[in-house]
Amino acid sequence: MHPLAFRDNHAFFRLPGLHGPVQFVAGGSCRRAYIGQKLGEQWETNPTLKSFFHRFDFVIGILAVVAVSWWIRRHLRALRRAKHIREIHESGAPSQPSLHSANSELK
């Protein structure tokens, strides 16, 4: 058996998997929360800050509409696909031609 097999060395596979989440929580998430808190404290008192961010209201609204429509479209396509697969299975037809039948047709 290979020395790095999963059954032999659990830490080898688990430690790299923890690197991303720990870095995200410890670094990025806390930093963004702190920046958001400081900007929120200045929101009403600093007119420059408020006017700067109001420039992006329309863009943020368009991005929100695009994101919601993409999400709905993706889920509707998945539902249609699942319905189609269910119909195929219920009809008893094979979902894909078997490799054996494809080879016999070539002969």
N, C-alpha and C. Protein backbone atom coordinates (compact mmCIF):
# COMPACT_ATOMS: atom_id res chain seq x y z
N MET A 1 0.85 -1.18 0.00
CA MET A 1 0.00 0.00 0.00
C MET A 1 0.90 1.25 0.00
N HIS A 2 0.44 2.25 -0.69
CA HIS A 2 1.20 3.49 -0.80
C HIS A 2 1.29 4.16 0.58
N PRO A 3 2.46 4.76 0.92
CA PRO A 3 2.61 5.35 2.27
C PRO A 3 1.69 6.54 2.53
N LEU A 4 1.16 7.16 1.47
CA LEU A 4 0.28 8.32 1.67
C LEU A 4 -1.19 7.94 1.53
N ALA A 5 -1.50 6.67 1.61
CA ALA A 5 -2.88 6.22 1.49
C ALA A 5 -3.72 6.82 2.61
N PHE A 6 -5.00 7.04 2.33
CA PHE A 6 -5.88 7.71 3.28
C PHE A 6 -6.00 6.94 4.59
N ARG A 7 -6.02 5.63 4.53
CA ARG A 7 -6.17 4.85 5.76
C ARG A 7 -4.95 4.97 6.66
N ASP A 8 -3.82 5.28 6.09
CA ASP A 8 -2.60 5.33 6.87
C ASP A 8 -2.30 6.71 7.44
N ASN A 9 -2.73 7.75 6.75
CA ASN A 9 -2.28 9.09 7.14
C ASN A 9 -3.44 10.09 7.04
N HIS A 10 -4.28 10.12 8.05
CA HIS A 10 -5.44 11.02 8.03
C HIS A 10 -5.02 12.48 8.07
N ALA A 11 -4.01 12.83 8.84
CA ALA A 11 -3.59 14.23 8.98
C ALA A 11 -3.11 14.79 7.65
N PHE A 12 -2.50 13.95 6.84
CA PHE A 12 -1.99 14.42 5.55
C PHE A 12 -3.12 14.97 4.69
N PHE A 13 -4.31 14.40 4.79
CA PHE A 13 -5.43 14.85 3.99
C PHE A 13 -6.28 15.90 4.70
N ARG A 14 -6.29 15.93 6.00
CA ARG A 14 -7.16 16.86 6.73
C ARG A 14 -6.54 18.23 6.94
N LEU A 15 -5.25 18.32 7.18
CA LEU A 15 -4.62 19.61 7.47
C LEU A 15 -4.73 20.59 6.31
N PRO A 16 -4.44 20.22 5.08
CA PRO A 16 -4.61 21.20 3.99
C PRO A 16 -6.06 21.64 3.83
N GLY A 17 -7.00 20.80 4.16
CA GLY A 17 -8.40 21.16 4.06
C GLY A 17 -8.82 22.20 5.08
N LEU A 18 -8.12 22.28 6.18
CA LEU A 18 -8.43 23.27 7.22
C LEU A 18 -7.80 24.63 6.94
N HIS A 19 -6.82 24.68 6.07
CA HIS A 19 -6.10 25.92 5.82
C HIS A 19 -7.03 27.02 5.28
N GLY A 20 -7.87 26.69 4.30
CA GLY A 20 -8.77 27.68 3.71
C GLY A 20 -9.79 28.24 4.67
N PRO A 21 -10.58 27.39 5.36
CA PRO A 21 -11.58 27.93 6.28
C PRO A 21 -10.98 28.74 7.43
N VAL A 22 -9.86 28.28 7.98
CA VAL A 22 -9.24 29.02 9.08
C VAL A 22 -8.77 30.38 8.60
N GLN A 23 -8.17 30.41 7.43
CA GLN A 23 -7.69 31.68 6.90
C GLN A 23 -8.86 32.63 6.61
N PHE A 24 -9.96 32.10 6.11
CA PHE A 24 -11.12 32.93 5.80
C PHE A 24 -11.72 33.53 7.06
N VAL A 25 -11.91 32.71 8.08
CA VAL A 25 -12.56 33.18 9.31
C VAL A 25 -11.64 34.11 10.08
N ALA A 26 -10.39 33.73 10.23
CA ALA A 26 -9.47 34.52 11.04
C ALA A 26 -9.06 35.82 10.35
N GLY A 27 -8.90 35.79 9.04
CA GLY A 27 -8.39 36.96 8.35
C GLY A 27 -9.47 37.80 7.71
N GLY A 28 -10.03 37.29 6.64
CA GLY A 28 -10.92 38.09 5.81
C GLY A 28 -12.22 38.47 6.47
N SER A 29 -12.90 37.55 7.12
CA SER A 29 -14.21 37.81 7.66
C SER A 29 -14.16 38.85 8.78
N CYS A 30 -13.23 38.71 9.68
CA CYS A 30 -13.11 39.67 10.79
C CYS A 30 -12.71 41.05 10.28
N ARG A 31 -11.84 41.07 9.29
CA ARG A 31 -11.39 42.34 8.73
C ARG A 31 -12.57 43.06 8.05
N ARG A 32 -13.38 42.32 7.29
CA ARG A 32 -14.53 42.94 6.63
C ARG A 32 -15.56 43.43 7.64
N ALA A 33 -15.75 42.70 8.71
CA ALA A 33 -16.70 43.13 9.75
C ALA A 33 -16.23 44.42 10.40
N TYR A 34 -14.94 44.52 10.68
CA TYR A 34 -14.39 45.73 11.29
C TYR A 34 -14.54 46.93 10.35
N ILE A 35 -14.22 46.73 9.07
CA ILE A 35 -14.34 47.82 8.10
C ILE A 35 -15.80 48.25 7.97
N GLY A 36 -16.72 47.28 7.94
CA GLY A 36 -18.14 47.61 7.86
C GLY A 36 -18.63 48.38 9.06
N GLN A 37 -18.13 48.02 10.23
CA GLN A 37 -18.52 48.73 11.45
C GLN A 37 -18.05 50.17 11.40
N LYS A 38 -16.80 50.38 11.00
CA LYS A 38 -16.25 51.74 10.95
C LYS A 38 -16.94 52.59 9.88
N LEU A 39 -17.26 51.98 8.72
CA LEU A 39 -17.98 52.74 7.70
C LEU A 39 -19.39 53.07 8.16
N GLY A 40 -20.04 52.15 8.87
CA GLY A 40 -21.38 52.39 9.37
C GLY A 40 -21.43 53.53 10.38
N GLU A 41 -20.38 53.64 11.19
CA GLU A 41 -20.33 54.74 12.17
C GLU A 41 -20.23 56.09 11.47
N GLN A 42 -19.61 56.13 10.29
CA GLN A 42 -19.40 57.38 9.56
C GLN A 42 -20.49 57.68 8.53
N TRP A 43 -21.45 56.77 8.37
CA TRP A 43 -22.41 56.87 7.28
C TRP A 43 -23.22 58.16 7.31
N GLU A 44 -23.78 58.50 8.45
CA GLU A 44 -24.63 59.70 8.54
C GLU A 44 -23.82 60.97 8.75
N THR A 45 -22.64 60.87 9.30
CA THR A 45 -21.87 62.08 9.61
C THR A 45 -20.95 62.51 8.49
N ASN A 46 -20.63 61.64 7.55
CA ASN A 46 -19.68 61.97 6.49
C ASN A 46 -20.43 62.00 5.15
N PRO A 47 -20.74 63.20 4.64
CA PRO A 47 -21.52 63.28 3.39
C PRO A 47 -20.74 62.76 2.17
N THR A 48 -19.43 62.84 2.19
CA THR A 48 -18.63 62.34 1.08
C THR A 48 -18.76 60.83 0.94
N LEU A 49 -18.73 60.15 2.08
CA LEU A 49 -18.85 58.69 2.08
C LEU A 49 -20.21 58.26 1.53
N LYS A 50 -21.25 58.91 2.00
CA LYS A 50 -22.60 58.55 1.57
C LYS A 50 -22.80 58.82 0.09
N SER A 51 -22.34 59.97 -0.40
CA SER A 51 -22.51 60.29 -1.83
C SER A 51 -21.67 59.38 -2.71
N PHE A 52 -20.50 58.95 -2.23
CA PHE A 52 -19.66 58.05 -3.00
C PHE A 52 -20.36 56.70 -3.21
N PHE A 53 -20.93 56.15 -2.17
CA PHE A 53 -21.57 54.85 -2.28
C PHE A 53 -22.93 54.91 -2.99
N HIS A 54 -23.58 56.07 -2.96
CA HIS A 54 -24.87 56.19 -3.66
C HIS A 54 -24.69 56.17 -5.18
N ARG A 55 -23.47 56.40 -5.67
CA ARG A 55 -23.20 56.28 -7.10
C ARG A 55 -23.43 54.86 -7.59
N PHE A 56 -23.24 53.89 -6.72
CA PHE A 56 -23.29 52.49 -7.10
C PHE A 56 -24.65 51.83 -6.83
N ASP A 57 -25.64 52.59 -6.41
CA ASP A 57 -26.96 52.03 -6.12
C ASP A 57 -27.56 51.31 -7.33
N PHE A 58 -27.50 51.95 -8.49
CA PHE A 58 -28.08 51.37 -9.69
C PHE A 58 -27.35 50.09 -10.09
N VAL A 59 -26.04 50.11 -10.03
CA VAL A 59 -25.24 48.93 -10.39
C VAL A 59 -25.53 47.77 -9.44
N ILE A 60 -25.62 48.06 -8.16
CA ILE A 60 -25.91 47.02 -7.17
C ILE A 60 -27.31 46.45 -7.41
N GLY A 61 -28.26 47.30 -7.74
CA GLY A 61 -29.61 46.83 -8.04
C GLY A 61 -29.64 45.93 -9.27
N ILE A 62 -28.93 46.31 -10.32
CA ILE A 62 -28.87 45.49 -11.53
C ILE A 62 -28.20 44.15 -11.21
N LEU A 63 -27.11 44.17 -10.46
CA LEU A 63 -26.44 42.92 -10.10
C LEU A 63 -27.34 42.01 -9.27
N ALA A 64 -28.15 42.59 -8.40
CA ALA A 64 -29.08 41.78 -7.60
C ALA A 64 -30.14 41.14 -8.50
N VAL A 65 -30.68 41.88 -9.45
CA VAL A 65 -31.68 41.33 -10.37
C VAL A 65 -31.07 40.22 -11.22
N VAL A 66 -29.86 40.43 -11.71
CA VAL A 66 -29.18 39.41 -12.51
C VAL A 66 -28.93 38.15 -11.68
N ALA A 67 -28.48 38.33 -10.44
CA ALA A 67 -28.19 37.18 -9.59
C ALA A 67 -29.46 36.38 -9.29
N VAL A 68 -30.55 37.05 -8.98
CA VAL A 68 -31.80 36.35 -8.67
C VAL A 68 -32.33 35.64 -9.92
N SER A 69 -32.27 36.29 -11.07
CA SER A 69 -32.76 35.65 -12.29
C SER A 69 -31.88 34.46 -12.67
N TRP A 70 -30.58 34.55 -12.49
CA TRP A 70 -29.70 33.42 -12.75
C TRP A 70 -30.03 32.26 -11.83
N TRP A 71 -30.26 32.55 -10.55
CA TRP A 71 -30.59 31.50 -9.59
C TRP A 71 -31.89 30.79 -9.96
N ILE A 72 -32.91 31.57 -10.32
CA ILE A 72 -34.20 30.99 -10.71
C ILE A 72 -34.04 30.15 -11.98
N ARG A 73 -33.34 30.67 -12.96
CA ARG A 73 -33.13 29.93 -14.21
C ARG A 73 -32.40 28.62 -13.96
N ARG A 74 -31.38 28.66 -13.13
CA ARG A 74 -30.60 27.46 -12.83
C ARG A 74 -31.48 26.40 -12.17
N HIS A 75 -32.32 26.80 -11.23
CA HIS A 75 -33.17 25.85 -10.55
C HIS A 75 -34.30 25.32 -11.44
N LEU A 76 -34.83 26.17 -12.31
CA LEU A 76 -35.85 25.69 -13.24
C LEU A 76 -35.27 24.68 -14.22
N ARG A 77 -34.06 24.93 -14.69
CA ARG A 77 -33.41 23.97 -15.59
C ARG A 77 -33.16 22.65 -14.88
N ALA A 78 -32.75 22.71 -13.62
CA ALA A 78 -32.51 21.47 -12.87
C ALA A 78 -33.81 20.71 -12.67
N LEU A 79 -34.90 21.42 -12.41
CA LEU A 79 -36.20 20.75 -12.25
C LEU A 79 -36.64 20.09 -13.56
N ARG A 80 -36.46 20.80 -14.69
CA ARG A 80 -36.81 20.23 -15.98
C ARG A 80 -35.97 18.99 -16.28
N ARG A 81 -34.68 19.07 -15.98
CA ARG A 81 -33.79 17.94 -16.20
C ARG A 81 -34.22 16.74 -15.35
N ALA A 82 -34.54 16.99 -14.09
CA ALA A 82 -34.97 15.91 -13.19
C ALA A 82 -36.28 15.30 -13.69
N LYS A 83 -37.19 16.13 -14.17
CA LYS A 83 -38.46 15.63 -14.69
C LYS A 83 -38.22 14.76 -15.92
N HIS A 84 -37.33 15.21 -16.79
CA HIS A 84 -37.01 14.45 -18.00
C HIS A 84 -36.38 13.10 -17.65
N ILE A 85 -35.48 13.09 -16.71
CA ILE A 85 -34.84 11.85 -16.28
C ILE A 85 -35.87 10.92 -15.65
N ARG A 86 -36.76 11.47 -14.85
CA ARG A 86 -37.81 10.66 -14.23
C ARG A 86 -38.71 10.03 -15.30
N GLU A 87 -39.06 10.80 -16.33
CA GLU A 87 -39.89 10.27 -17.41
C GLU A 87 -39.18 9.15 -18.16
N ILE A 88 -37.89 9.30 -18.37
CA ILE A 88 -37.12 8.26 -19.06
C ILE A 88 -37.12 6.98 -18.23
N HIS A 89 -36.89 7.11 -16.93
CA HIS A 89 -36.84 5.94 -16.07
C HIS A 89 -38.22 5.27 -15.96
N GLU A 90 -39.27 6.07 -15.93
CA GLU A 90 -40.61 5.50 -15.83
C GLU A 90 -41.03 4.80 -17.12
N SER A 91 -40.53 5.27 -18.25
CA SER A 91 -40.90 4.65 -19.52
C SER A 91 -40.14 3.35 -19.74
N GLY A 92 -39.10 3.12 -18.98
CA GLY A 92 -38.33 1.89 -19.12
C GLY A 92 -37.27 1.95 -20.19
N ALA A 93 -37.15 3.09 -20.86
CA ALA A 93 -36.13 3.24 -21.88
C ALA A 93 -34.77 3.43 -21.23
N PRO A 94 -33.72 2.89 -21.81
CA PRO A 94 -32.40 3.10 -21.22
C PRO A 94 -32.00 4.56 -21.36
N SER A 95 -31.36 5.08 -20.33
CA SER A 95 -30.99 6.49 -20.36
C SER A 95 -29.85 6.75 -21.34
N GLN A 96 -28.96 5.77 -21.53
CA GLN A 96 -27.89 5.88 -22.49
C GLN A 96 -27.75 4.55 -23.19
N PRO A 97 -27.38 4.56 -24.46
CA PRO A 97 -27.18 3.28 -25.11
C PRO A 97 -26.01 2.55 -24.47
N SER A 98 -26.14 1.27 -24.35
CA SER A 98 -25.07 0.51 -23.72
C SER A 98 -23.88 0.44 -24.65
N LEU A 99 -22.72 0.27 -24.09
CA LEU A 99 -21.50 0.19 -24.86
C LEU A 99 -21.51 -1.07 -25.72
N HIS A 100 -22.11 -2.13 -25.21
CA HIS A 100 -22.18 -3.40 -25.94
C HIS A 100 -23.00 -3.24 -27.22
N SER A 101 -24.13 -2.57 -27.14
CA SER A 101 -24.98 -2.40 -28.34
C SER A 101 -24.31 -1.48 -29.34
N ALA A 102 -23.56 -0.49 -28.89
CA ALA A 102 -22.86 0.41 -29.81
C ALA A 102 -21.76 -0.34 -30.54
N ASN A 103 -21.07 -1.25 -29.85
CA ASN A 103 -20.01 -2.02 -30.49
C ASN A 103 -20.58 -3.01 -31.48
N SER A 104 -21.72 -3.60 -31.20
CA SER A 104 -22.30 -4.57 -32.10
C SER A 104 -22.80 -3.91 -33.39
N GLU A 105 -23.19 -2.63 -33.31
CA GLU A 105 -23.64 -1.93 -34.50
C GLU A 105 -22.48 -1.61 -35.42
N LEU A 106 -21.28 -1.45 -34.86
CA LEU A 106 -20.12 -1.13 -35.68
C LEU A 106 -19.63 -2.31 -36.49
N LYS A 107 -19.92 -3.52 -36.07
CA LYS A 107 -19.42 -4.72 -36.76
C LYS A 107 -20.12 -5.00 -38.03
